[in-house]
């Protein structure tokens, strides 16, 4: 076999006409239901802390929190806003007009064309809303349309809610890394999911169909689920739900 030919499949498929994408930008991500802007202690910390008060369970699978006071959370946000990885967004639910959650890009590797979404913390007010889904869509859209090839989702393998959300959003299951970390003094096995750029056109179409007002009845109940719409795109299902 001639290993000098670029078409040698044993060396991997050539990646043509691809260039390194940019790192996340300060411009907001704007949708019909959700508005995302870079997280700021001054602009968002107090309002976000108010959304989380009395909801300590939202911190269960995160490596930090809960925070005992607004000032403690403010300090944490101030530390995060100084970083470029992870790159945090505050999420405003445009239907309520309130800041109700955060999410970030992390493990940002433009040289590999890979980026992850994580540190997702939606207050109960944001969970199971169109704004929550659209926030995830807007972040995925920016990544793929900026030129990233791989978009990752990783979570504690015991966090079945996060694993279910990953599948619903169109991420394919890639396995569990055993004893991947120690978080808050406890073992963490990490479940891996990802979507790739070849899948983005079909995923984008699924999101557009689900977010369309025509997909909801007069009582705001969905007619078709996003999970059903993304099922044909996913190349592997999470065995936790088989």
C-alpha atoms as a PDB file:
ATOM      1  CA  UNK A   1       0.000   0.000   0.000  1.00  0.00           C
ATOM      2  CA  UNK A   2       1.337   3.411  -0.942  1.00  0.00           C
ATOM      3  CA  UNK A   3       1.217   5.477   2.256  1.00  0.00           C
ATOM      4  CA  UNK A   4       2.234   8.637   0.442  1.00  0.00           C
ATOM      5  CA  UNK A   5      -1.139   9.161  -1.164  1.00  0.00           C
ATOM      6  CA  UNK A   6      -3.461  11.581   0.716  1.00  0.00           C
ATOM      7  CA  UNK A   7      -6.372   9.286  -0.141  1.00  0.00           C
ATOM      8  CA  UNK A   8      -5.016   6.426   1.979  1.00  0.00           C
ATOM      9  CA  UNK A   9      -7.991   5.651   4.224  1.00  0.00           C
ATOM     10  CA  UNK A  10      -5.752   4.131   6.888  1.00  0.00           C
ATOM     11  CA  UNK A  11      -4.406   7.623   7.592  1.00  0.00           C
ATOM     12  CA  UNK A  12      -7.837   9.245   7.921  1.00  0.00           C
ATOM     13  CA  UNK A  13      -9.945  11.212   5.493  1.00  0.00           C
ATOM     14  CA  UNK A  14      -8.396  14.449   4.213  1.00  0.00           C
ATOM     15  CA  UNK A  15      -9.911  17.606   5.707  1.00  0.00           C
ATOM     16  CA  UNK A  16     -10.136  19.990   2.772  1.00  0.00           C
ATOM     17  CA  UNK A  17     -10.939  23.691   2.762  1.00  0.00           C
ATOM     18  CA  UNK A  18     -10.994  23.945   6.529  1.00  0.00           C
ATOM     19  CA  UNK A  19      -9.343  26.650   8.561  1.00  0.00           C
ATOM     20  CA  UNK A  20      -9.081  27.215  12.280  1.00  0.00           C
ATOM     21  CA  UNK A  21     -12.284  28.828  13.621  1.00  0.00           C
ATOM     22  CA  UNK A  22     -12.336  31.832  15.973  1.00  0.00           C
ATOM     23  CA  UNK A  23     -12.671  31.685  19.719  1.00  0.00           C
ATOM     24  CA  UNK A  24     -16.042  32.769  21.177  1.00  0.00           C
ATOM     25  CA  UNK A  25     -16.831  36.433  20.681  1.00  0.00           C
ATOM     26  CA  UNK A  26     -18.393  39.099  22.907  1.00  0.00           C
ATOM     27  CA  UNK A  27     -21.369  39.620  20.589  1.00  0.00           C
ATOM     28  CA  UNK A  28     -24.672  38.430  22.086  1.00  0.00           C
ATOM     29  CA  UNK A  29     -26.547  35.421  20.736  1.00  0.00           C
ATOM     30  CA  UNK A  30     -30.103  36.470  19.986  1.00  0.00           C
ATOM     31  CA  UNK A  31     -33.169  34.335  19.366  1.00  0.00           C
ATOM     32  CA  UNK A  32     -36.918  34.668  19.522  1.00  0.00           C
ATOM     33  CA  UNK A  33     -37.151  33.263  23.060  1.00  0.00           C
ATOM     34  CA  UNK A  34     -33.625  33.517  24.486  1.00  0.00           C
ATOM     35  CA  UNK A  35     -30.944  36.183  24.655  1.00  0.00           C
ATOM     36  CA  UNK A  36     -27.372  35.307  25.650  1.00  0.00           C
ATOM     37  CA  UNK A  37     -24.585  37.713  26.510  1.00  0.00           C
ATOM     38  CA  UNK A  38     -21.194  37.215  28.175  1.00  0.00           C
ATOM     39  CA  UNK A  39     -21.618  36.677  31.890  1.00  0.00           C
ATOM     40  CA  UNK A  40     -20.884  39.746  34.023  1.00  0.00           C
ATOM     41  CA  UNK A  41     -20.843  39.958  37.801  1.00  0.00           C
ATOM     42  CA  UNK A  42     -22.066  43.543  37.722  1.00  0.00           C
ATOM     43  CA  UNK A  43     -24.881  42.950  35.238  1.00  0.00           C
ATOM     44  CA  UNK A  44     -26.070  39.452  36.107  1.00  0.00           C
ATOM     45  CA  UNK A  45     -24.850  37.999  39.416  1.00  0.00           C
ATOM     46  CA  UNK A  46     -27.522  39.395  41.732  1.00  0.00           C
ATOM     47  CA  UNK A  47     -30.359  38.552  39.351  1.00  0.00           C
ATOM     48  CA  UNK A  48     -29.092  35.026  38.713  1.00  0.00           C
ATOM     49  CA  UNK A  49     -28.535  34.360  42.406  1.00  0.00           C
ATOM     50  CA  UNK A  50     -32.153  35.357  43.031  1.00  0.00           C
ATOM     51  CA  UNK A  51     -33.276  32.805  40.432  1.00  0.00           C
ATOM     52  CA  UNK A  52     -31.305  30.050  42.205  1.00  0.00           C
ATOM     53  CA  UNK A  53     -32.290  30.866  45.826  1.00  0.00           C
ATOM     54  CA  UNK A  54     -33.893  27.880  47.525  1.00  0.00           C
ATOM     55  CA  UNK A  55     -33.007  25.586  44.611  1.00  0.00           C
ATOM     56  CA  UNK A  56     -29.804  24.014  45.880  1.00  0.00           C
ATOM     57  CA  UNK A  57     -30.399  20.855  43.818  1.00  0.00           C
ATOM     58  CA  UNK A  58     -29.401  22.709  40.628  1.00  0.00           C
ATOM     59  CA  UNK A  59     -25.783  22.580  41.874  1.00  0.00           C
ATOM     60  CA  UNK A  60     -25.721  18.828  42.581  1.00  0.00           C
ATOM     61  CA  UNK A  61     -23.624  17.810  39.575  1.00  0.00           C
ATOM     62  CA  UNK A  62     -21.530  20.981  39.256  1.00  0.00           C
ATOM     63  CA  UNK A  63     -18.037  21.203  40.820  1.00  0.00           C
ATOM     64  CA  UNK A  64     -19.006  24.395  42.731  1.00  0.00           C
ATOM     65  CA  UNK A  65     -22.015  25.733  44.594  1.00  0.00           C
ATOM     66  CA  UNK A  66     -24.462  26.124  46.127  1.00  0.00           C
ATOM     67  CA  UNK A  67     -23.563  29.646  47.209  1.00  0.00           C
ATOM     68  CA  UNK A  68     -24.653  30.817  50.632  1.00  0.00           C
ATOM     69  CA  UNK A  69     -25.056  34.478  49.725  1.00  0.00           C
ATOM     70  CA  UNK A  70     -25.412  36.848  46.799  1.00  0.00           C
ATOM     71  CA  UNK A  71     -21.961  38.282  47.549  1.00  0.00           C
ATOM     72  CA  UNK A  72     -20.370  34.834  47.432  1.00  0.00           C
ATOM     73  CA  UNK A  73     -21.974  34.137  44.057  1.00  0.00           C
ATOM     74  CA  UNK A  74     -20.937  37.598  42.844  1.00  0.00           C
ATOM     75  CA  UNK A  75     -17.302  36.772  43.638  1.00  0.00           C
ATOM     76  CA  UNK A  76     -17.565  33.483  41.772  1.00  0.00           C
ATOM     77  CA  UNK A  77     -19.049  35.172  38.702  1.00  0.00           C
ATOM     78  CA  UNK A  78     -16.377  37.870  38.825  1.00  0.00           C
ATOM     79  CA  UNK A  79     -13.695  35.175  38.750  1.00  0.00           C
ATOM     80  CA  UNK A  80     -15.356  33.427  35.783  1.00  0.00           C
ATOM     81  CA  UNK A  81     -15.779  36.548  33.681  1.00  0.00           C
ATOM     82  CA  UNK A  82     -12.009  37.053  33.727  1.00  0.00           C
ATOM     83  CA  UNK A  83     -11.484  33.728  31.912  1.00  0.00           C
ATOM     84  CA  UNK A  84     -11.637  32.920  28.210  1.00  0.00           C
ATOM     85  CA  UNK A  85     -12.082  29.168  28.856  1.00  0.00           C
ATOM     86  CA  UNK A  86     -14.667  28.456  30.083  1.00  0.00           C
ATOM     87  CA  UNK A  87     -16.500  31.259  28.306  1.00  0.00           C
ATOM     88  CA  UNK A  88     -19.767  31.869  30.156  1.00  0.00           C
ATOM     89  CA  UNK A  89     -23.043  33.312  28.916  1.00  0.00           C
ATOM     90  CA  UNK A  90     -25.921  34.595  31.015  1.00  0.00           C
ATOM     91  CA  UNK A  91     -29.284  33.554  29.587  1.00  0.00           C
ATOM     92  CA  UNK A  92     -32.337  35.803  29.555  1.00  0.00           C
ATOM     93  CA  UNK A  93     -35.741  34.237  29.011  1.00  0.00           C
ATOM     94  CA  UNK A  94     -37.367  36.735  26.657  1.00  0.00           C
ATOM     95  CA  UNK A  95     -40.834  35.451  27.548  1.00  0.00           C
ATOM     96  CA  UNK A  96     -40.379  36.459  31.194  1.00  0.00           C
ATOM     97  CA  UNK A  97     -37.779  39.196  30.729  1.00  0.00           C
ATOM     98  CA  UNK A  98     -35.610  37.643  33.463  1.00  0.00           C
ATOM     99  CA  UNK A  99     -32.040  36.324  33.641  1.00  0.00           C
ATOM    100  CA  UNK A 100     -32.621  32.684  34.525  1.00  0.00           C
ATOM    101  CA  UNK A 101     -29.515  30.627  33.810  1.00  0.00           C
ATOM    102  CA  UNK A 102     -25.988  30.247  32.499  1.00  0.00           C
ATOM    103  CA  UNK A 103     -24.058  28.006  30.130  1.00  0.00           C
ATOM    104  CA  UNK A 104     -20.539  28.072  28.758  1.00  0.00           C
ATOM    105  CA  UNK A 105     -18.218  26.990  26.032  1.00  0.00           C
ATOM    106  CA  UNK A 106     -15.210  25.137  27.413  1.00  0.00           C
ATOM    107  CA  UNK A 107     -12.268  23.029  26.306  1.00  0.00           C
ATOM    108  CA  UNK A 108     -12.143  25.383  23.357  1.00  0.00           C
ATOM    109  CA  UNK A 109      -9.683  23.971  20.803  1.00  0.00           C
ATOM    110  CA  UNK A 110      -9.810  25.942  17.543  1.00  0.00           C
ATOM    111  CA  UNK A 111      -6.729  24.088  16.283  1.00  0.00           C
ATOM    112  CA  UNK A 112      -8.712  20.834  16.436  1.00  0.00           C
ATOM    113  CA  UNK A 113     -12.033  22.386  15.477  1.00  0.00           C
ATOM    114  CA  UNK A 114     -13.502  21.121  18.753  1.00  0.00           C
ATOM    115  CA  UNK A 115     -15.542  22.938  21.404  1.00  0.00           C
ATOM    116  CA  UNK A 116     -17.695  21.786  24.322  1.00  0.00           C
ATOM    117  CA  UNK A 117     -20.856  23.143  25.907  1.00  0.00           C
ATOM    118  CA  UNK A 118     -21.066  22.775  29.666  1.00  0.00           C
ATOM    119  CA  UNK A 119     -21.455  24.371  33.087  1.00  0.00           C
ATOM    120  CA  UNK A 120     -25.140  24.455  32.186  1.00  0.00           C
ATOM    121  CA  UNK A 121     -27.181  25.700  35.112  1.00  0.00           C
ATOM    122  CA  UNK A 122     -30.792  26.500  34.331  1.00  0.00           C
ATOM    123  CA  UNK A 123     -32.928  27.754  37.182  1.00  0.00           C
ATOM    124  CA  UNK A 124     -36.280  25.977  37.615  1.00  0.00           C
ATOM    125  CA  UNK A 125     -37.932  28.951  35.905  1.00  0.00           C
ATOM    126  CA  UNK A 126     -35.889  28.333  32.748  1.00  0.00           C
ATOM    127  CA  UNK A 127     -36.053  24.547  32.679  1.00  0.00           C
ATOM    128  CA  UNK A 128     -38.358  22.932  30.109  1.00  0.00           C
ATOM    129  CA  UNK A 129     -39.005  26.201  28.293  1.00  0.00           C
ATOM    130  CA  UNK A 130     -38.569  27.188  24.676  1.00  0.00           C
ATOM    131  CA  UNK A 131     -35.949  29.682  25.856  1.00  0.00           C
ATOM    132  CA  UNK A 132     -33.871  26.862  27.365  1.00  0.00           C
ATOM    133  CA  UNK A 133     -33.926  24.862  24.138  1.00  0.00           C
ATOM    134  CA  UNK A 134     -33.249  27.904  22.004  1.00  0.00           C
ATOM    135  CA  UNK A 135     -30.273  28.867  24.184  1.00  0.00           C
ATOM    136  CA  UNK A 136     -28.720  25.483  23.421  1.00  0.00           C
ATOM    137  CA  UNK A 137     -29.560  25.892  19.738  1.00  0.00           C
ATOM    138  CA  UNK A 138     -27.965  29.351  19.588  1.00  0.00           C
ATOM    139  CA  UNK A 139     -24.729  28.080  21.121  1.00  0.00           C
ATOM    140  CA  UNK A 140     -24.584  25.071  18.809  1.00  0.00           C
ATOM    141  CA  UNK A 141     -25.366  27.278  15.808  1.00  0.00           C
ATOM    142  CA  UNK A 142     -22.564  29.708  16.615  1.00  0.00           C
ATOM    143  CA  UNK A 143     -20.060  26.862  16.985  1.00  0.00           C
ATOM    144  CA  UNK A 144     -20.831  25.093  13.722  1.00  0.00           C
ATOM    145  CA  UNK A 145     -21.419  28.236  11.689  1.00  0.00           C
ATOM    146  CA  UNK A 146     -18.084  29.618  12.923  1.00  0.00           C
ATOM    147  CA  UNK A 147     -16.322  26.548  11.529  1.00  0.00           C
ATOM    148  CA  UNK A 148     -16.016  24.110  14.430  1.00  0.00           C
ATOM    149  CA  UNK A 149     -16.167  20.458  13.373  1.00  0.00           C
ATOM    150  CA  UNK A 150     -17.065  18.839  16.691  1.00  0.00           C
ATOM    151  CA  UNK A 151     -19.412  20.023  19.451  1.00  0.00           C
ATOM    152  CA  UNK A 152     -19.208  18.092  22.715  1.00  0.00           C
ATOM    153  CA  UNK A 153     -21.435  17.499  25.729  1.00  0.00           C
ATOM    154  CA  UNK A 154     -20.054  15.723  28.803  1.00  0.00           C
ATOM    155  CA  UNK A 155     -21.781  15.085  32.111  1.00  0.00           C
ATOM    156  CA  UNK A 156     -21.677  13.024  35.264  1.00  0.00           C
ATOM    157  CA  UNK A 157     -22.804   9.569  34.205  1.00  0.00           C
ATOM    158  CA  UNK A 158     -25.244   9.528  37.146  1.00  0.00           C
ATOM    159  CA  UNK A 159     -26.933  12.693  35.880  1.00  0.00           C
ATOM    160  CA  UNK A 160     -29.663  11.032  33.858  1.00  0.00           C
ATOM    161  CA  UNK A 161     -31.406  14.353  33.272  1.00  0.00           C
ATOM    162  CA  UNK A 162     -28.337  15.714  31.509  1.00  0.00           C
ATOM    163  CA  UNK A 163     -27.858  12.523  29.519  1.00  0.00           C
ATOM    164  CA  UNK A 164     -31.491  12.635  28.410  1.00  0.00           C
ATOM    165  CA  UNK A 165     -31.136  16.301  27.459  1.00  0.00           C
ATOM    166  CA  UNK A 166     -28.036  15.579  25.365  1.00  0.00           C
ATOM    167  CA  UNK A 167     -29.912  13.010  23.286  1.00  0.00           C
ATOM    168  CA  UNK A 168     -32.963  15.227  22.913  1.00  0.00           C
ATOM    169  CA  UNK A 169     -30.730  18.033  21.617  1.00  0.00           C
ATOM    170  CA  UNK A 170     -29.199  15.755  18.981  1.00  0.00           C
ATOM    171  CA  UNK A 171     -25.908  14.688  20.548  1.00  0.00           C
ATOM    172  CA  UNK A 172     -24.815  11.120  19.877  1.00  0.00           C
ATOM    173  CA  UNK A 173     -23.647   8.904  22.737  1.00  0.00           C
ATOM    174  CA  UNK A 174     -19.924   8.087  22.695  1.00  0.00           C
ATOM    175  CA  UNK A 175     -19.405   6.159  25.928  1.00  0.00           C
ATOM    176  CA  UNK A 176     -18.511   6.520  29.601  1.00  0.00           C
ATOM    177  CA  UNK A 177     -15.047   7.371  30.891  1.00  0.00           C
ATOM    178  CA  UNK A 178     -14.786   5.550  34.232  1.00  0.00           C
ATOM    179  CA  UNK A 179     -13.320   7.319  37.267  1.00  0.00           C
ATOM    180  CA  UNK A 180     -12.709  10.421  35.181  1.00  0.00           C
ATOM    181  CA  UNK A 181     -12.575  12.720  38.184  1.00  0.00           C
ATOM    182  CA  UNK A 182     -13.304  13.453  41.826  1.00  0.00           C
ATOM    183  CA  UNK A 183     -15.966  16.132  42.325  1.00  0.00           C
ATOM    184  CA  UNK A 184     -16.973  17.377  45.772  1.00  0.00           C
ATOM    185  CA  UNK A 185     -15.221  14.371  47.260  1.00  0.00           C
ATOM    186  CA  UNK A 186     -17.128  11.840  45.155  1.00  0.00           C
ATOM    187  CA  UNK A 187     -16.156   9.699  42.182  1.00  0.00           C
ATOM    188  CA  UNK A 188     -17.282  10.926  38.791  1.00  0.00           C
ATOM    189  CA  UNK A 189     -17.717   8.715  35.763  1.00  0.00           C
ATOM    190  CA  UNK A 190     -18.219  10.950  32.725  1.00  0.00           C
ATOM    191  CA  UNK A 191     -20.666  10.259  29.907  1.00  0.00           C
ATOM    192  CA  UNK A 192     -19.577  11.649  26.540  1.00  0.00           C
ATOM    193  CA  UNK A 193     -21.798  12.901  23.725  1.00  0.00           C
ATOM    194  CA  UNK A 194     -21.027  14.880  20.563  1.00  0.00           C
ATOM    195  CA  UNK A 195     -22.449  16.271  17.354  1.00  0.00           C
ATOM    196  CA  UNK A 196     -20.319  16.916  14.265  1.00  0.00           C
ATOM    197  CA  UNK A 197     -20.530  19.425  11.460  1.00  0.00           C
ATOM    198  CA  UNK A 198     -21.915  16.929   8.924  1.00  0.00           C
ATOM    199  CA  UNK A 199     -24.955  16.517  11.194  1.00  0.00           C
ATOM    200  CA  UNK A 200     -25.558  20.218  11.691  1.00  0.00           C
ATOM    201  CA  UNK A 201     -27.833  20.905   8.658  1.00  0.00           C
ATOM    202  CA  UNK A 202     -30.295  18.211   9.789  1.00  0.00           C
ATOM    203  CA  UNK A 203     -30.083  19.308  13.428  1.00  0.00           C
ATOM    204  CA  UNK A 204     -30.649  22.933  12.449  1.00  0.00           C
ATOM    205  CA  UNK A 205     -33.757  21.910  10.529  1.00  0.00           C
ATOM    206  CA  UNK A 206     -35.028  19.934  13.548  1.00  0.00           C
ATOM    207  CA  UNK A 207     -34.533  22.878  15.892  1.00  0.00           C
ATOM    208  CA  UNK A 208     -36.286  25.243  13.496  1.00  0.00           C
ATOM    209  CA  UNK A 209     -39.253  22.899  13.236  1.00  0.00           C
ATOM    210  CA  UNK A 210     -39.494  22.404  16.999  1.00  0.00           C
ATOM    211  CA  UNK A 211     -39.151  26.108  17.833  1.00  0.00           C
ATOM    212  CA  UNK A 212     -41.740  27.139  15.249  1.00  0.00           C
ATOM    213  CA  UNK A 213     -44.919  28.580  16.823  1.00  0.00           C
ATOM    214  CA  UNK A 214     -46.871  26.090  14.690  1.00  0.00           C
ATOM    215  CA  UNK A 215     -45.394  23.261  16.786  1.00  0.00           C
ATOM    216  CA  UNK A 216     -47.270  24.451  19.865  1.00  0.00           C
ATOM    217  CA  UNK A 217     -50.989  24.437  20.598  1.00  0.00           C
ATOM    218  CA  UNK A 218     -53.045  27.155  22.274  1.00  0.00           C
ATOM    219  CA  UNK A 219     -51.882  25.896  25.687  1.00  0.00           C
ATOM    220  CA  UNK A 220     -48.201  26.022  24.631  1.00  0.00           C
ATOM    221  CA  UNK A 221     -47.925  22.234  24.547  1.00  0.00           C
ATOM    222  CA  UNK A 222     -45.592  20.818  21.915  1.00  0.00           C
ATOM    223  CA  UNK A 223     -47.097  18.816  19.077  1.00  0.00           C
ATOM    224  CA  UNK A 224     -43.886  17.010  18.127  1.00  0.00           C
ATOM    225  CA  UNK A 225     -40.946  16.395  20.457  1.00  0.00           C
ATOM    226  CA  UNK A 226     -37.433  17.542  19.621  1.00  0.00           C
ATOM    227  CA  UNK A 227     -36.104  14.122  20.613  1.00  0.00           C
ATOM    228  CA  UNK A 228     -38.203  12.495  17.911  1.00  0.00           C
ATOM    229  CA  UNK A 229     -36.973  15.047  15.392  1.00  0.00           C
ATOM    230  CA  UNK A 230     -33.292  14.471  16.188  1.00  0.00           C
ATOM    231  CA  UNK A 231     -33.506  10.665  16.454  1.00  0.00           C
ATOM    232  CA  UNK A 232     -32.629  10.070  12.803  1.00  0.00           C
ATOM    233  CA  UNK A 233     -29.563  12.302  13.110  1.00  0.00           C
ATOM    234  CA  UNK A 234     -28.043  10.616  16.152  1.00  0.00           C
ATOM    235  CA  UNK A 235     -25.638   7.841  15.221  1.00  0.00           C
ATOM    236  CA  UNK A 236     -25.642   6.176  18.661  1.00  0.00           C
ATOM    237  CA  UNK A 237     -28.212   6.027  21.444  1.00  0.00           C
ATOM    238  CA  UNK A 238     -27.484   6.224  25.132  1.00  0.00           C
ATOM    239  CA  UNK A 239     -27.991   2.699  26.534  1.00  0.00           C
ATOM    240  CA  UNK A 240     -29.396   4.230  29.728  1.00  0.00           C
ATOM    241  CA  UNK A 241     -32.620   4.869  27.821  1.00  0.00           C
ATOM    242  CA  UNK A 242     -32.850   1.784  25.625  1.00  0.00           C
END
